[in-house]
PDB file of N, CA and C in Angstrom:
ATOM      1  N   MET A   1     123.203  83.283 116.360  1.00  0.00           N
ATOM      2  CA  MET A   1     123.202  83.915 115.060  1.00  0.00           C
ATOM      3  C   MET A   1     121.833  83.729 114.419  1.00  0.00           C
ATOM      4  N   ASN A   2     121.247  84.826 113.961  1.00  0.00           N
ATOM      5  CA  ASN A   2     119.946  84.782 113.324  1.00  0.00           C
ATOM      6  C   ASN A   2     120.137  84.566 111.827  1.00  0.00           C
ATOM      7  N   VAL A   3     119.688  83.418 111.317  1.00  0.00           N
ATOM      8  CA  VAL A   3     119.880  83.074 109.921  1.00  0.00           C
ATOM      9  C   VAL A   3     118.577  83.288 109.166  1.00  0.00           C
ATOM     10  N   LYS A   4     118.647  84.027 108.066  1.00  0.00           N
ATOM     11  CA  LYS A   4     117.485  84.261 107.220  1.00  0.00           C
ATOM     12  C   LYS A   4     117.858  83.898 105.797  1.00  0.00           C
ATOM     13  N   THR A   5     116.937  83.289 105.091  1.00  0.00           N
ATOM     14  CA  THR A   5     117.137  82.931 103.705  1.00  0.00           C
ATOM     15  C   THR A   5     116.343  83.896 102.832  1.00  0.00           C
ATOM     16  N   ILE A   6     117.004  84.461 101.837  1.00  0.00           N
ATOM     17  CA  ILE A   6     116.331  85.327 100.879  1.00  0.00           C
ATOM     18  C   ILE A   6     115.872  84.446  99.722  1.00  0.00           C
ATOM     19  N   THR A   7     114.598  84.524  99.401  1.00  0.00           N
ATOM     20  CA  THR A   7     114.041  83.690  98.330  1.00  0.00           C
ATOM     21  C   THR A   7     113.977  84.455  97.016  1.00  0.00           C
ATOM     22  N   ARG A   8     113.728  83.733  95.960  1.00  0.00           N
ATOM     23  CA  ARG A   8     113.545  84.310  94.635  1.00  0.00           C
ATOM     24  C   ARG A   8     112.401  85.318  94.654  1.00  0.00           C
ATOM     25  N   GLN A   9     111.335  84.943  95.343  1.00  0.00           N
ATOM     26  CA  GLN A   9     110.156  85.827  95.455  1.00  0.00           C
ATOM     27  C   GLN A   9     110.513  87.132  96.176  1.00  0.00           C
ATOM     28  N   GLU A  10     111.332  87.050  97.221  1.00  0.00           N
ATOM     29  CA  GLU A  10     111.746  88.259  97.939  1.00  0.00           C
ATOM     30  C   GLU A  10     112.649  89.145  97.065  1.00  0.00           C
ATOM     31  N   LEU A  11     113.509  88.530  96.262  1.00  0.00           N
ATOM     32  CA  LEU A  11     114.328  89.298  95.330  1.00  0.00           C
ATOM     33  C   LEU A  11     113.441  90.031  94.320  1.00  0.00           C
ATOM     34  N   ALA A  12     112.453  89.317  93.787  1.00  0.00           N
ATOM     35  CA  ALA A  12     111.533  89.922  92.819  1.00  0.00           C
ATOM     36  C   ALA A  12     110.751  91.065  93.461  1.00  0.00           C
ATOM     37  N   GLU A  13     110.349  90.902  94.699  1.00  0.00           N
ATOM     38  CA  GLU A  13     109.615  91.955  95.408  1.00  0.00           C
ATOM     39  C   GLU A  13     110.500  93.188  95.602  1.00  0.00           C
ATOM     40  N   THR A  14     111.770  92.978  95.887  1.00  0.00           N
ATOM     41  CA  THR A  14     112.700  94.100  96.040  1.00  0.00           C
ATOM     42  C   THR A  14     112.876  94.832  94.709  1.00  0.00           C
ATOM     43  N   VAL A  15     113.006  94.083  93.615  1.00  0.00           N
ATOM     44  CA  VAL A  15     113.098  94.710  92.294  1.00  0.00           C
ATOM     45  C   VAL A  15     111.827  95.503  92.020  1.00  0.00           C
ATOM     46  N   PHE A  16     110.683  94.935  92.348  1.00  0.00           N
ATOM     47  CA  PHE A  16     109.398  95.613  92.155  1.00  0.00           C
ATOM     48  C   PHE A  16     109.369  96.952  92.900  1.00  0.00           C
ATOM     49  N   ARG A  17     109.798  96.944  94.167  1.00  0.00           N
ATOM     50  CA  ARG A  17     109.751  98.167  94.983  1.00  0.00           C
ATOM     51  C   ARG A  17     110.783  99.199  94.558  1.00  0.00           C
ATOM     52  N   LYS A  18     111.987  98.756  94.224  1.00  0.00           N
ATOM     53  CA  LYS A  18     113.076  99.706  93.965  1.00  0.00           C
ATOM     54  C   LYS A  18     113.197 100.143  92.505  1.00  0.00           C
ATOM     55  N   VAL A  19     112.802  99.289  91.567  1.00  0.00           N
ATOM     56  CA  VAL A  19     112.977  99.609  90.154  1.00  0.00           C
ATOM     57  C   VAL A  19     111.681 100.125  89.532  1.00  0.00           C
ATOM     58  N   GLY A  20     110.561  99.627  90.017  1.00  0.00           N
ATOM     59  CA  GLY A  20     109.288 100.099  89.493  1.00  0.00           C
ATOM     60  C   GLY A  20     108.693  99.241  88.397  1.00  0.00           C
ATOM     61  N   LEU A  21     109.283  98.078  88.130  1.00  0.00           N
ATOM     62  CA  LEU A  21     108.662  97.150  87.189  1.00  0.00           C
ATOM     63  C   LEU A  21     107.447  96.528  87.854  1.00  0.00           C
ATOM     64  N   SER A  22     106.584  95.911  87.060  1.00  0.00           N
ATOM     65  CA  SER A  22     105.441  95.207  87.650  1.00  0.00           C
ATOM     66  C   SER A  22     105.972  93.989  88.412  1.00  0.00           C
ATOM     67  N   ARG A  23     105.117  93.416  89.228  1.00  0.00           N
ATOM     68  CA  ARG A  23     105.545  92.223  89.982  1.00  0.00           C
ATOM     69  C   ARG A  23     105.907  91.084  89.027  1.00  0.00           C
ATOM     70  N   THR A  24     105.112  90.923  87.983  1.00  0.00           N
ATOM     71  CA  THR A  24     105.373  89.858  87.006  1.00  0.00           C
ATOM     72  C   THR A  24     106.700  90.100  86.292  1.00  0.00           C
ATOM     73  N   GLU A  25     106.926  91.328  85.837  1.00  0.00           N
ATOM     74  CA  GLU A  25     108.181  91.658  85.157  1.00  0.00           C
ATOM     75  C   GLU A  25     109.375  91.490  86.092  1.00  0.00           C
ATOM     76  N   SER A  26     109.201  91.867  87.347  1.00  0.00           N
ATOM     77  CA  SER A  26     110.279  91.723  88.329  1.00  0.00           C
ATOM     78  C   SER A  26     110.635  90.260  88.535  1.00  0.00           C
ATOM     79  N   ALA A  27     109.622  89.413  88.662  1.00  0.00           N
ATOM     80  CA  ALA A  27     109.859  87.976  88.848  1.00  0.00           C
ATOM     81  C   ALA A  27     110.542  87.389  87.616  1.00  0.00           C
ATOM     82  N   GLU A  28     110.120  87.818  86.421  1.00  0.00           N
ATOM     83  CA  GLU A  28     110.737  87.338  85.188  1.00  0.00           C
ATOM     84  C   GLU A  28     112.195  87.789  85.087  1.00  0.00           C
ATOM     85  N   LEU A  29     112.470  89.026  85.479  1.00  0.00           N
ATOM     86  CA  LEU A  29     113.836  89.547  85.438  1.00  0.00           C
ATOM     87  C   LEU A  29     114.756  88.757  86.366  1.00  0.00           C
ATOM     88  N   VAL A  30     114.300  88.503  87.585  1.00  0.00           N
ATOM     89  CA  VAL A  30     115.098  87.723  88.540  1.00  0.00           C
ATOM     90  C   VAL A  30     115.336  86.321  87.986  1.00  0.00           C
ATOM     91  N   ALA A  31     114.296  85.702  87.430  1.00  0.00           N
ATOM     92  CA  ALA A  31     114.429  84.354  86.861  1.00  0.00           C
ATOM     93  C   ALA A  31     115.422  84.353  85.697  1.00  0.00           C
ATOM     94  N   LEU A  32     115.367  85.379  84.843  1.00  0.00           N
ATOM     95  CA  LEU A  32     116.287  85.466  83.708  1.00  0.00           C
ATOM     96  C   LEU A  32     117.737  85.608  84.161  1.00  0.00           C
ATOM     97  N   VAL A  33     117.978  86.442  85.153  1.00  0.00           N
ATOM     98  CA  VAL A  33     119.345  86.647  85.646  1.00  0.00           C
ATOM     99  C   VAL A  33     119.883  85.348  86.248  1.00  0.00           C
ATOM    100  N   LEU A  34     119.093  84.701  87.088  1.00  0.00           N
ATOM    101  CA  LEU A  34     119.544  83.456  87.713  1.00  0.00           C
ATOM    102  C   LEU A  34     119.744  82.358  86.665  1.00  0.00           C
ATOM    103  N   ASP A  35     118.860  82.321  85.659  1.00  0.00           N
ATOM    104  CA  ASP A  35     118.987  81.330  84.594  1.00  0.00           C
ATOM    105  C   ASP A  35     120.255  81.571  83.777  1.00  0.00           C
ATOM    106  N   GLU A  36     120.586  82.833  83.512  1.00  0.00           N
ATOM    107  CA  GLU A  36     121.792  83.149  82.752  1.00  0.00           C
ATOM    108  C   GLU A  36     123.048  82.756  83.536  1.00  0.00           C
ATOM    109  N   ILE A  37     123.031  82.999  84.846  1.00  0.00           N
ATOM    110  CA  ILE A  37     124.162  82.588  85.689  1.00  0.00           C
ATOM    111  C   ILE A  37     124.314  81.067  85.635  1.00  0.00           C
ATOM    112  N   SER A  38     123.205  80.342  85.789  1.00  0.00           N
ATOM    113  CA  SER A  38     123.229  78.872  85.748  1.00  0.00           C
ATOM    114  C   SER A  38     123.719  78.357  84.402  1.00  0.00           C
ATOM    115  N   SER A  39     123.231  78.955  83.312  1.00  0.00           N
ATOM    116  CA  SER A  39     123.629  78.521  81.966  1.00  0.00           C
ATOM    117  C   SER A  39     125.121  78.747  81.735  1.00  0.00           C
ATOM    118  N   ALA A  40     125.628  79.879  82.177  1.00  0.00           N
ATOM    119  CA  ALA A  40     127.060  80.160  82.022  1.00  0.00           C
ATOM    120  C   ALA A  40     127.892  79.141  82.790  1.00  0.00           C
ATOM    121  N   LEU A  41     127.467  78.796  83.990  1.00  0.00           N
ATOM    122  CA  LEU A  41     128.195  77.792  84.783  1.00  0.00           C
ATOM    123  C   LEU A  41     128.116  76.423  84.119  1.00  0.00           C
ATOM    124  N   ASP A  42     126.951  76.097  83.506  1.00  0.00           N
ATOM    125  CA  ASP A  42     126.817  74.841  82.758  1.00  0.00           C
ATOM    126  C   ASP A  42     127.835  74.765  81.624  1.00  0.00           C
ATOM    127  N   ARG A  43     128.144  75.923  81.035  1.00  0.00           N
ATOM    128  CA  ARG A  43     129.098  75.989  79.922  1.00  0.00           C
ATOM    129  C   ARG A  43     130.545  76.126  80.407  1.00  0.00           C
ATOM    130  N   ASP A  44     130.771  75.924  81.693  1.00  0.00           N
ATOM    131  CA  ASP A  44     132.101  76.035  82.311  1.00  0.00           C
ATOM    132  C   ASP A  44     132.673  77.443  82.235  1.00  0.00           C
ATOM    133  N   GLU A  45     131.816  78.442  82.182  1.00  0.00           N
ATOM    134  CA  GLU A  45     132.265  79.824  82.184  1.00  0.00           C
ATOM    135  C   GLU A  45     132.310  80.342  83.612  1.00  0.00           C
ATOM    136  N   THR A  46     133.177  81.285  83.854  1.00  0.00           N
ATOM    137  CA  THR A  46     133.242  81.959  85.149  1.00  0.00           C
ATOM    138  C   THR A  46     132.246  83.114  85.116  1.00  0.00           C
ATOM    139  N   VAL A  47     131.510  83.284  86.196  1.00  0.00           N
ATOM    140  CA  VAL A  47     130.554  84.392  86.294  1.00  0.00           C
ATOM    141  C   VAL A  47     131.092  85.368  87.327  1.00  0.00           C
ATOM    142  N   LYS A  48     131.450  86.556  86.853  1.00  0.00           N
ATOM    143  CA  LYS A  48     132.010  87.575  87.732  1.00  0.00           C
ATOM    144  C   LYS A  48     131.026  88.737  87.821  1.00  0.00           C
ATOM    145  N   LEU A  49     130.563  89.016  89.029  1.00  0.00           N
ATOM    146  CA  LEU A  49     129.658  90.135  89.269  1.00  0.00           C
ATOM    147  C   LEU A  49     130.453  91.189  90.025  1.00  0.00           C
ATOM    148  N   SER A  50     130.751  92.270  89.345  1.00  0.00           N
ATOM    149  CA  SER A  50     131.586  93.327  89.901  1.00  0.00           C
ATOM    150  C   SER A  50     131.046  93.794  91.250  1.00  0.00           C
ATOM    151  N   SER A  51     131.923  93.988  92.200  1.00  0.00           N
ATOM    152  CA  SER A  51     131.607  94.417  93.570  1.00  0.00           C
ATOM    153  C   SER A  51     130.799  93.387  94.357  1.00  0.00           C
ATOM    154  N   PHE A  52     130.636  92.183  93.808  1.00  0.00           N
ATOM    155  CA  PHE A  52     129.905  91.132  94.523  1.00  0.00           C
ATOM    156  C   PHE A  52     130.771  89.892  94.689  1.00  0.00           C
ATOM    157  N   GLY A  53     131.145  89.265  93.564  1.00  0.00           N
ATOM    158  CA  GLY A  53     131.981  88.081  93.668  1.00  0.00           C
ATOM    159  C   GLY A  53     132.017  87.288  92.383  1.00  0.00           C
ATOM    160  N   THR A  54     132.669  86.130  92.448  1.00  0.00           N
ATOM    161  CA  THR A  54     132.876  85.286  91.280  1.00  0.00           C
ATOM    162  C   THR A  54     132.388  83.869  91.561  1.00  0.00           C
ATOM    163  N   PHE A  55     131.578  83.346  90.632  1.00  0.00           N
ATOM    164  CA  PHE A  55     131.119  81.961  90.676  1.00  0.00           C
ATOM    165  C   PHE A  55     131.942  81.168  89.684  1.00  0.00           C
ATOM    166  N   ASN A  56     132.305  79.945  90.059  1.00  0.00           N
ATOM    167  CA  ASN A  56     133.132  79.104  89.225  1.00  0.00           C
ATOM    168  C   ASN A  56     132.729  77.650  89.427  1.00  0.00           C
ATOM    169  N   VAL A  57     132.953  76.804  88.416  1.00  0.00           N
ATOM    170  CA  VAL A  57     132.713  75.367  88.560  1.00  0.00           C
ATOM    171  C   VAL A  57     134.065  74.692  88.708  1.00  0.00           C
ATOM    172  N   ARG A  58     134.148  73.777  89.668  1.00  0.00           N
ATOM    173  CA  ARG A  58     135.413  73.109  89.961  1.00  0.00           C
ATOM    174  C   ARG A  58     135.185  71.609  90.007  1.00  0.00           C
ATOM    175  N   ASP A  59     136.161  70.861  89.514  1.00  0.00           N
ATOM    176  CA  ASP A  59     136.107  69.392  89.590  1.00  0.00           C
ATOM    177  C   ASP A  59     136.733  68.942  90.902  1.00  0.00           C
ATOM    178  N   LYS A  60     136.046  68.042  91.586  1.00  0.00           N
ATOM    179  CA  LYS A  60     136.613  67.434  92.797  1.00  0.00           C
ATOM    180  C   LYS A  60     136.862  65.966  92.491  1.00  0.00           C
ATOM    181  N   HIS A  61     138.025  65.504  92.851  1.00  0.00           N
ATOM    182  CA  HIS A  61     138.411  64.121  92.577  1.00  0.00           C
ATOM    183  C   HIS A  61     137.786  63.177  93.593  1.00  0.00           C
ATOM    184  N   GLU A  62     137.740  61.894  93.203  1.00  0.00           N
ATOM    185  CA  GLU A  62     137.248  60.863  94.123  1.00  0.00           C
ATOM    186  C   GLU A  62     138.187  60.787  95.314  1.00  0.00           C
ATOM    187  N   ARG A  63     137.601  60.558  96.484  1.00  0.00           N
ATOM    188  CA  ARG A  63     138.428  60.453  97.689  1.00  0.00           C
ATOM    189  C   ARG A  63     137.711  59.577  98.702  1.00  0.00           C
ATOM    190  N   ILE A  64     138.428  59.235  99.742  1.00  0.00           N
ATOM    191  CA  ILE A  64     137.853  58.446 100.827  1.00  0.00           C
ATOM    192  C   ILE A  64     137.407  59.416 101.926  1.00  0.00           C
ATOM    193  N   GLY A  65     136.153  59.277 102.322  1.00  0.00           N
ATOM    194  CA  GLY A  65     135.623  60.078 103.417  1.00  0.00           C
ATOM    195  C   GLY A  65     135.307  59.196 104.605  1.00  0.00           C
ATOM    196  N   ARG A  66     134.809  59.789 105.649  1.00  0.00           N
ATOM    197  CA  ARG A  66     134.492  59.034 106.853  1.00  0.00           C
ATOM    198  C   ARG A  66     133.103  59.434 107.343  1.00  0.00           C
ATOM    199  N   ASN A  67     132.279  58.443 107.645  1.00  0.00           N
ATOM    200  CA  ASN A  67     130.959  58.697 108.215  1.00  0.00           C
ATOM    201  C   ASN A  67     131.168  59.234 109.637  1.00  0.00           C
ATOM    202  N   PRO A  68     130.729  60.464 109.919  1.00  0.00           N
ATOM    203  CA  PRO A  68     130.999  61.038 111.236  1.00  0.00           C
ATOM    204  C   PRO A  68     130.311  60.296 112.386  1.00  0.00           C
ATOM    205  N   LYS A  69     129.195  59.624 112.101  1.00  0.00           N
ATOM    206  CA  LYS A  69     128.497  58.888 113.162  1.00  0.00           C
ATOM    207  C   LYS A  69     129.203  57.583 113.517  1.00  0.00           C
ATOM    208  N   THR A  70     129.546  56.830 112.463  1.00  0.00           N
ATOM    209  CA  THR A  70     130.090  55.491 112.704  1.00  0.00           C
ATOM    210  C   THR A  70     131.607  55.431 112.590  1.00  0.00           C
ATOM    211  N   GLY A  71     132.206  56.418 111.943  1.00  0.00           N
ATOM    212  CA  GLY A  71     133.648  56.389 111.724  1.00  0.00           C
ATOM    213  C   GLY A  71     134.044  55.506 110.558  1.00  0.00           C
ATOM    214  N   GLU A  72     133.055  54.900 109.904  1.00  0.00           N
ATOM    215  CA  GLU A  72     133.311  53.986 108.799  1.00  0.00           C
ATOM    216  C   GLU A  72     133.757  54.760 107.560  1.00  0.00           C
ATOM    217  N   GLU A  73     134.782  54.252 106.875  1.00  0.00           N
ATOM    218  CA  GLU A  73     135.265  54.880 105.653  1.00  0.00           C
ATOM    219  C   GLU A  73     134.312  54.588 104.509  1.00  0.00           C
ATOM    220  N   ALA A  74     134.148  55.575 103.620  1.00  0.00           N
ATOM    221  CA  ALA A  74     133.282  55.414 102.458  1.00  0.00           C
ATOM    222  C   ALA A  74     133.856  56.236 101.310  1.00  0.00           C
ATOM    223  N   PRO A  75     133.775  55.699 100.087  1.00  0.00           N
ATOM    224  CA  PRO A  75     134.290  56.458  98.948  1.00  0.00           C
ATOM    225  C   PRO A  75     133.336  57.613  98.602  1.00  0.00           C
ATOM    226  N   ILE A  76     133.906  58.757  98.275  1.00  0.00           N
ATOM    227  CA  ILE A  76     133.130  59.903  97.809  1.00  0.00           C
ATOM    228  C   ILE A  76     133.482  60.054  96.337  1.00  0.00           C
ATOM    229  N   SER A  77     132.488  59.911  95.482  1.00  0.00           N
ATOM    230  CA  SER A  77     132.755  59.907  94.041  1.00  0.00           C
ATOM    231  C   SER A  77     133.160  61.299  93.546  1.00  0.00           C
ATOM    232  N   ARG A  78     133.823  61.315  92.389  1.00  0.00           N
ATOM    233  CA  ARG A  78     134.221  62.602  91.826  1.00  0.00           C
ATOM    234  C   ARG A  78     132.970  63.353  91.413  1.00  0.00           C
ATOM    235  N   ARG A  79     133.053  64.663  91.477  1.00  0.00           N
ATOM    236  CA  ARG A  79     131.887  65.480  91.168  1.00  0.00           C
ATOM    237  C   ARG A  79     132.331  66.886  90.796  1.00  0.00           C
ATOM    238  N   ARG A  80     131.382  67.650  90.310  1.00  0.00           N
ATOM    239  CA  ARG A  80     131.629  69.048  89.974  1.00  0.00           C
ATOM    240  C   ARG A  80     130.845  69.895  90.966  1.00  0.00           C
ATOM    241  N   VAL A  81     131.480  70.928  91.459  1.00  0.00           N
ATOM    242  CA  VAL A  81     130.833  71.791  92.450  1.00  0.00           C
ATOM    243  C   VAL A  81     130.969  73.247  92.024  1.00  0.00           C
ATOM    244  N   VAL A  82     130.005  74.061  92.449  1.00  0.00           N
ATOM    245  CA  VAL A  82     130.069  75.494  92.212  1.00  0.00           C
ATOM    246  C   VAL A  82     130.753  76.134  93.411  1.00  0.00           C
ATOM    247  N   THR A  83     131.717  76.997  93.131  1.00  0.00           N
ATOM    248  CA  THR A  83     132.388  77.728  94.201  1.00  0.00           C
ATOM    249  C   THR A  83     132.073  79.208  94.052  1.00  0.00           C
ATOM    250  N   PHE A  84     132.165  79.932  95.153  1.00  0.00           N
ATOM    251  CA  PHE A  84     131.932  81.377  95.145  1.00  0.00           C
ATOM    252  C   PHE A  84     133.051  82.041  95.921  1.00  0.00           C
ATOM    253  N   LYS A  85     133.625  83.079  95.332  1.00  0.00           N
ATOM    254  CA  LYS A  85     134.647  83.869  96.011  1.00  0.00           C
ATOM    255  C   LYS A  85     134.124  85.299  96.079  1.00  0.00           C
ATOM    256  N   ALA A  86     133.923  85.772  97.290  1.00  0.00           N
ATOM    257  CA  ALA A  86     133.401  87.121  97.489  1.00  0.00           C
ATOM    258  C   ALA A  86     134.445  88.165  97.091  1.00  0.00           C
ATOM    259  N   SER A  87     133.966  89.277  96.523  1.00  0.00           N
ATOM    260  CA  SER A  87     134.866  90.378  96.175  1.00  0.00           C
ATOM    261  C   SER A  87     135.294  91.096  97.454  1.00  0.00           C
ATOM    262  N   ASN A  88     136.357  91.873  97.356  1.00  0.00           N
ATOM    263  CA  ASN A  88     136.809  92.651  98.509  1.00  0.00           C
ATOM    264  C   ASN A  88     135.756  93.668  98.933  1.00  0.00           C
ATOM    265  N   VAL A  89     135.004  94.215  97.969  1.00  0.00           N
ATOM    266  CA  VAL A  89     133.936  95.171  98.288  1.00  0.00           C
ATOM    267  C   VAL A  89     132.884  94.494  99.167  1.00  0.00           C
ATOM    268  N   LEU A  90     132.465  93.282  98.803  1.00  0.00           N
ATOM    269  CA  LEU A  90     131.470  92.548  99.586  1.00  0.00           C
ATOM    270  C   LEU A  90     132.028  92.161 100.953  1.00  0.00           C
ATOM    271  N   LYS A  91     133.283  91.701 100.984  1.00  0.00           N
ATOM    272  CA  LYS A  91     133.904  91.329 102.260  1.00  0.00           C
ATOM    273  C   LYS A  91     133.953  92.521 103.210  1.00  0.00           C
ATOM    274  N   ASP A  92     134.346  93.690 102.676  1.00  0.00           N
ATOM    275  CA  ASP A  92     134.414  94.899 103.512  1.00  0.00           C
ATOM    276  C   ASP A  92     133.034  95.288 104.027  1.00  0.00           C
ATOM    277  N   ARG A  93     132.038  95.187 103.161  1.00  0.00           N
ATOM    278  CA  ARG A  93     130.669  95.546 103.565  1.00  0.00           C
ATOM    279  C   ARG A  93     130.172  94.632 104.687  1.00  0.00           C
ATOM    280  N   ILE A  94     130.440  93.350 104.566  1.00  0.00           N
ATOM    281  CA  ILE A  94     130.036  92.383 105.596  1.00  0.00           C
ATOM    282  C   ILE A  94     130.789  92.652 106.892  1.00  0.00           C
ATOM    283  N   PHE A  95     132.088  92.963 106.784  1.00  0.00           N
ATOM    284  CA  PHE A  95     132.891  93.255 107.971  1.00  0.00           C
ATOM    285  C   PHE A  95     132.336  94.469 108.715  1.00  0.00           C
ATOM    286  N   VAL A  96     132.032  95.546 107.986  1.00  0.00           N
ATOM    287  CA  VAL A  96     131.496  96.762 108.610  1.00  0.00           C
ATOM    288  C   VAL A  96     130.138  96.474 109.255  1.00  0.00           C
ATOM    289  N   ALA A  97     129.278  95.727 108.565  1.00  0.00           N
ATOM    290  CA  ALA A  97     127.965  95.386 109.121  1.00  0.00           C
ATOM    291  C   ALA A  97     128.120  94.550 110.394  1.00  0.00           C
ATOM    292  N   HIS A  98     129.055  93.619 110.380  1.00  0.00           N
ATOM    293  CA  HIS A  98     129.298  92.779 111.562  1.00  0.00           C
ATOM    294  C   HIS A  98     129.789  93.631 112.735  1.00  0.00           C
ATOM    295  N   LYS A  99     130.756  94.531 112.455  1.00  0.00           N
ATOM    296  CA  LYS A  99     131.290  95.391 113.518  1.00  0.00           C
ATOM    297  C   LYS A  99     130.181  96.260 114.105  1.00  0.00           C
ATOM    298  N   THR A 100     129.288  96.770 113.258  1.00  0.00           N
ATOM    299  CA  THR A 100     128.183  97.618 113.717  1.00  0.00           C
ATOM    300  C   THR A 100     127.231  96.823 114.599  1.00  0.00           C
ATOM    301  N   ARG A 101     126.919  95.589 114.197  1.00  0.00           N
ATOM    302  CA  ARG A 101     125.997  94.750 114.973  1.00  0.00           C
ATOM    303  C   ARG A 101     126.580  94.325 116.313  1.00  0.00           C
ATOM    304  N   THR A 102     127.891  94.088 116.347  1.00  0.00           N
ATOM    305  CA  THR A 102     128.509  93.567 117.568  1.00  0.00           C
ATOM    306  C   THR A 102     129.095  94.663 118.448  1.00  0.00           C
ATOM    307  N   GLN A 103     128.998  95.900 117.994  1.00  0.00           N
ATOM    308  CA  GLN A 103     129.548  97.030 118.745  1.00  0.00           C
ATOM    309  C   GLN A 103     128.764  97.227 120.043  1.00  0.00           C
ATOM    310  N   LYS A 104     129.485  97.437 121.128  1.00  0.00           N
ATOM    311  CA  LYS A 104     128.854  97.653 122.434  1.00  0.00           C
ATOM    312  C   LYS A 104     128.394  99.111 122.533  1.00  0.00           C
ATOM    313  N   PRO A 105     127.317  99.372 123.265  1.00  0.00           N
ATOM    314  CA  PRO A 105     126.844 100.747 123.434  1.00  0.00           C
ATOM    315  C   PRO A 105     127.966 101.637 123.991  1.00  0.00           C
ATOM    316  N   GLY A 106     128.119 102.830 123.405  1.00  0.00           N
ATOM    317  CA  GLY A 106     129.141 103.768 123.848  1.00  0.00           C
ATOM    318  C   GLY A 106     130.499 103.543 123.214  1.00  0.00           C
ATOM    319  N   GLU A 107     130.672 102.419 122.524  1.00  0.00           N
ATOM    320  CA  GLU A 107     131.930 102.109 121.871  1.00  0.00           C
ATOM    321  C   GLU A 107     132.020 102.897 120.558  1.00  0.00           C
ATOM    322  N   LYS A 108     133.212 103.388 120.229  1.00  0.00           N
ATOM    323  CA  LYS A 108     133.364 104.125 118.977  1.00  0.00           C
ATOM    324  C   LYS A 108     133.363 103.157 117.813  1.00  0.00           C
ATOM    325  N   GLY A 109     132.748 103.570 116.691  1.00  0.00           N
ATOM    326  CA  GLY A 109     132.686 102.752 115.490  1.00  0.00           C
ATOM    327  C   GLY A 109     133.933 102.874 114.668  1.00  0.00           C
ATOM    328  N   LEU A 110     133.899 102.302 113.484  1.00  0.00           N
ATOM    329  CA  LEU A 110     135.034 102.355 112.571  1.00  0.00           C
ATOM    330  C   LEU A 110     135.272 103.786 112.110  1.00  0.00           C
ATOM    331  N   GLY A 111     136.507 104.207 112.076  1.00  0.00           N
ATOM    332  CA  GLY A 111     136.870 105.509 111.561  1.00  0.00           C
ATOM    333  C   GLY A 111     136.531 106.668 112.470  1.00  0.00           C
ATOM    334  N   GLU A 112     136.144 106.438 113.681  1.00  0.00           N
ATOM    335  CA  GLU A 112     135.803 107.542 114.603  1.00  0.00           C
ATOM    336  C   GLU A 112     136.958 107.862 115.515  1.00  0.00           C
TER     337      GLU A 112
END
């Protein structure tokens, strides 16, 4: 599996190319959107991006974990974590892209 990470700079470059803002304005816009998402999560708000997914903050209780190397038990303290649930639109898009990538030559695609 080929793994690629999209950076903030790459997002800003895409906004620059597709929207037509300057590079500086594009970078500021991306920073503002990400900052607003972070601030909303800090305030325990749910962030729902239509056709993309939902970000939420969840409390995890203290529990006993195990060190995979040694097998030794260790306490894992309670913490807050961000969760993401993909929308059905995003899930379908990923499924279609996966089917297209893994399709064998000569094989019929979806809906054919």
